[in-house]
Protein backbone atom coordinates (compact mmCIF):
# COMPACT_ATOMS: atom_id res chain seq x y z
CA MET A 1 94.48 90.42 97.60
CA SER A 2 97.79 90.14 99.95
CA ASP A 3 98.34 92.82 102.13
CA THR A 4 101.11 94.30 100.11
CA GLU A 5 98.62 94.69 97.21
CA ILE A 6 95.86 96.18 99.34
CA LEU A 7 98.52 98.97 101.23
CA ALA A 8 100.02 99.50 97.50
CA GLY A 9 97.10 100.15 96.25
CA LYS A 10 96.10 102.72 99.37
CA VAL A 11 99.36 104.47 98.99
CA LEU A 12 99.32 104.79 95.05
CA ARG A 13 95.91 106.44 95.54
CA THR A 14 96.93 108.85 97.75
CA LEU A 15 100.06 109.87 96.22
CA GLN A 16 97.56 110.16 92.98
CA GLN A 17 95.20 112.35 94.92
CA ARG A 18 98.06 114.63 96.86
CA GLY A 19 99.79 115.16 93.01
CA LEU A 20 102.78 113.26 95.17
CA MET A 21 105.80 111.28 93.54
CA LEU A 22 108.00 108.77 95.39
CA ALA A 23 111.82 107.39 95.15
CA THR A 24 112.56 104.16 97.19
CA ALA A 25 115.75 103.03 97.96
CA GLU A 26 116.15 99.75 98.47
CA SER A 27 118.58 97.23 100.12
CA CYS A 28 117.44 94.20 101.68
CA THR A 29 114.08 94.55 99.75
CA GLY A 30 115.56 94.40 96.10
CA GLY A 31 113.22 96.50 94.71
CA LEU A 32 109.84 94.99 95.85
CA VAL A 33 108.47 98.58 97.35
CA ALA A 34 108.62 99.90 94.13
CA GLY A 35 107.69 96.81 92.59
CA ALA A 36 104.51 96.44 94.55
CA ILE A 37 103.43 100.13 93.48
CA THR A 38 104.36 98.99 89.83
CA ASP A 39 101.83 96.31 89.72
CA ILE A 40 99.16 98.87 89.81
CA ASN A 41 98.05 100.46 87.07
CA GLY A 42 98.69 104.22 87.08
CA ALA A 43 102.08 103.76 88.84
CA SER A 44 103.66 105.70 86.38
CA GLU A 45 101.58 108.95 88.05
CA VAL A 46 103.40 108.38 91.36
CA LEU A 47 106.97 106.55 91.23
CA ASP A 48 109.45 108.88 90.05
CA ARG A 49 112.05 106.13 90.52
CA GLY A 50 113.61 103.20 92.89
CA PHE A 51 117.09 102.96 93.81
CA VAL A 52 118.26 99.23 94.11
CA THR A 53 121.28 99.79 96.41
CA TYR A 54 122.53 96.43 97.55
CA THR A 55 125.94 96.81 97.73
CA ASN A 56 127.61 99.49 99.86
CA GLU A 57 129.21 100.91 96.68
CA ALA A 58 125.80 101.51 94.82
CA LYS A 59 124.98 103.61 98.07
CA VAL A 60 127.75 105.44 98.07
CA GLU A 61 127.46 106.17 93.82
CA MET A 62 123.52 106.30 93.68
CA LEU A 63 122.32 107.82 96.58
CA GLY A 64 125.43 109.76 97.79
CA VAL A 65 125.71 107.91 101.25
CA ASP A 66 129.11 108.92 102.77
CA PRO A 67 131.24 105.89 102.74
CA GLN A 68 132.39 107.34 106.45
CA THR A 69 128.88 106.47 107.79
CA ILE A 70 128.83 102.99 106.42
CA LYS A 71 132.73 102.59 107.60
CA GLN A 72 131.60 103.96 111.20
CA HIS A 73 127.93 102.95 111.52
CA GLY A 74 127.72 100.01 109.18
CA ALA A 75 124.98 99.70 105.98
CA VAL A 76 122.27 98.97 108.51
CA SER A 77 122.11 101.72 110.83
CA LYS A 78 120.04 104.85 111.23
CA GLU A 79 122.51 106.92 109.95
CA CYS A 80 122.60 104.75 106.58
CA ALA A 81 118.84 105.00 106.31
CA ARG A 82 118.83 108.48 106.73
CA GLU A 83 121.23 109.23 103.97
CA MET A 84 120.13 106.68 101.54
CA ALA A 85 116.39 108.44 101.84
CA ASP A 86 118.02 111.70 101.67
CA GLY A 87 119.92 110.60 98.81
CA ALA A 88 117.10 109.18 96.68
CA LEU A 89 114.75 112.75 97.35
CA ARG A 90 117.84 114.47 96.46
CA ASN A 91 118.52 112.31 93.25
CA SER A 92 115.09 112.26 91.80
CA HIS A 93 112.26 114.62 91.22
CA ALA A 94 110.19 112.77 93.87
CA ASP A 95 108.37 114.44 97.18
CA ILE A 96 108.95 111.49 99.36
CA ALA A 97 111.48 109.25 99.54
CA VAL A 98 111.55 105.84 101.82
CA SER A 99 114.71 103.71 102.32
CA ILE A 100 114.97 100.09 103.79
CA THR A 101 118.37 98.61 105.25
CA GLY A 102 118.67 95.65 106.82
CA ILE A 103 119.58 91.86 107.55
CA ALA A 104 116.88 89.67 105.82
CA GLY A 105 118.72 86.42 106.84
CA PRO A 106 119.05 83.59 107.07
CA GLY A 107 122.61 84.28 107.57
CA GLY A 108 124.66 87.64 108.37
CA GLY A 109 123.41 88.80 111.67
CA SER A 110 125.79 89.68 114.59
CA PRO A 111 124.76 90.12 118.29
CA ASP A 112 124.13 94.23 117.75
CA LYS A 113 122.62 93.44 114.77
CA PRO A 114 120.58 90.48 114.52
CA VAL A 115 118.69 88.68 111.33
CA GLY A 116 115.35 91.16 111.30
CA LEU A 117 116.81 94.23 112.24
CA VAL A 118 115.79 96.73 109.75
CA TRP A 119 116.21 100.56 109.13
CA PHE A 120 113.88 102.62 107.31
CA GLY A 121 114.44 106.15 106.45
CA LEU A 122 111.33 108.56 104.96
CA ALA A 123 112.31 112.09 103.52
CA VAL A 124 109.81 114.41 102.77
CA ALA A 125 110.68 117.55 100.84
CA GLY A 126 111.16 120.43 103.37
CA LEU A 127 111.05 118.12 106.39
CA PRO A 128 114.03 116.83 108.05
CA VAL A 129 114.70 113.01 107.51
CA VAL A 130 113.09 110.72 109.83
CA THR A 131 114.32 107.12 110.92
CA GLU A 132 112.32 104.24 112.07
CA ARG A 133 114.39 100.46 113.49
CA ARG A 134 112.27 97.62 113.31
CA SER A 135 112.92 93.88 114.80
CA PHE A 136 111.27 91.74 112.91
CA ALA A 137 111.16 87.79 113.68
CA PRO A 138 113.76 85.89 112.37
CA GLU A 139 111.21 83.45 110.55
CA GLY A 140 112.84 83.59 106.95
CA ARG A 141 114.20 85.99 104.55
CA ALA A 142 110.82 86.37 102.76
CA ILE A 143 108.90 87.32 105.73
CA VAL A 144 111.21 89.80 106.84
CA ARG A 145 111.31 91.15 103.42
CA ARG A 146 107.42 91.07 103.25
CA ASP A 147 107.31 93.07 106.47
CA SER A 148 109.60 95.33 105.41
CA VAL A 149 107.73 96.20 102.72
CA LEU A 150 104.67 96.66 104.44
CA THR A 151 106.35 98.73 106.91
CA ALA A 152 107.93 101.16 104.25
CA LEU A 153 104.43 101.44 102.26
CA GLN A 154 102.60 102.59 105.72
CA MET A 155 105.21 105.06 106.38
CA VAL A 156 104.72 106.18 102.95
CA LEU A 157 101.27 106.41 103.38
CA GLU A 158 101.33 108.28 106.50
CA ALA A 159 103.48 111.13 104.77
CA ALA A 160 101.64 111.38 101.78
CA GLU A 161 98.53 111.83 103.96
CA LYS A 162 100.09 114.98 105.39
CA ALA A 163 103.01 115.97 102.73
CA LYS A 164 102.16 119.17 100.52
CA PRO A 165 103.11 118.68 96.58
CA GLN A 166 106.54 120.70 95.63
CA THR A 167 104.79 123.52 93.39
CA GLU A 168 106.97 124.91 90.54
CA ALA A 169 107.29 128.77 90.76
CA THR A 170 105.20 130.38 87.84
CA PRO A 171 106.60 133.25 85.73
């Protein structure tokens, strides 16, 4: 088993045990986080939906990212990752949402935003969205994407261990 499979299994079991649902908002990973979860039997119990928002337009249309955020800070930014995670949570029935936006390479980087730069957002119902910046070694697109998936899964696991499921009001 790969590291991704092992970690995805832990995430799935923890979400199941806690009665939590997950949504993903993925750009540079193109759905790999949701894919890692759906590779495991029982995924339908914990994965509400995944948004693959590779273009700026998709981020705006599907997640409600403010176009001004992208204009001022770029799609690969703390601000965009925050709005992506918030939008995924808001536009789903999930308790936890994770977002990933970055530059996987091999091209497309700049001195300010080099290849391997990835921003993550984590939204948990009832809590402020948190963001995390990672700079992965630009050893190839597949490695940056793999490391991004592992980071996102670890963030979800840690949040799931602490989160409380949303409860519906009973009449």
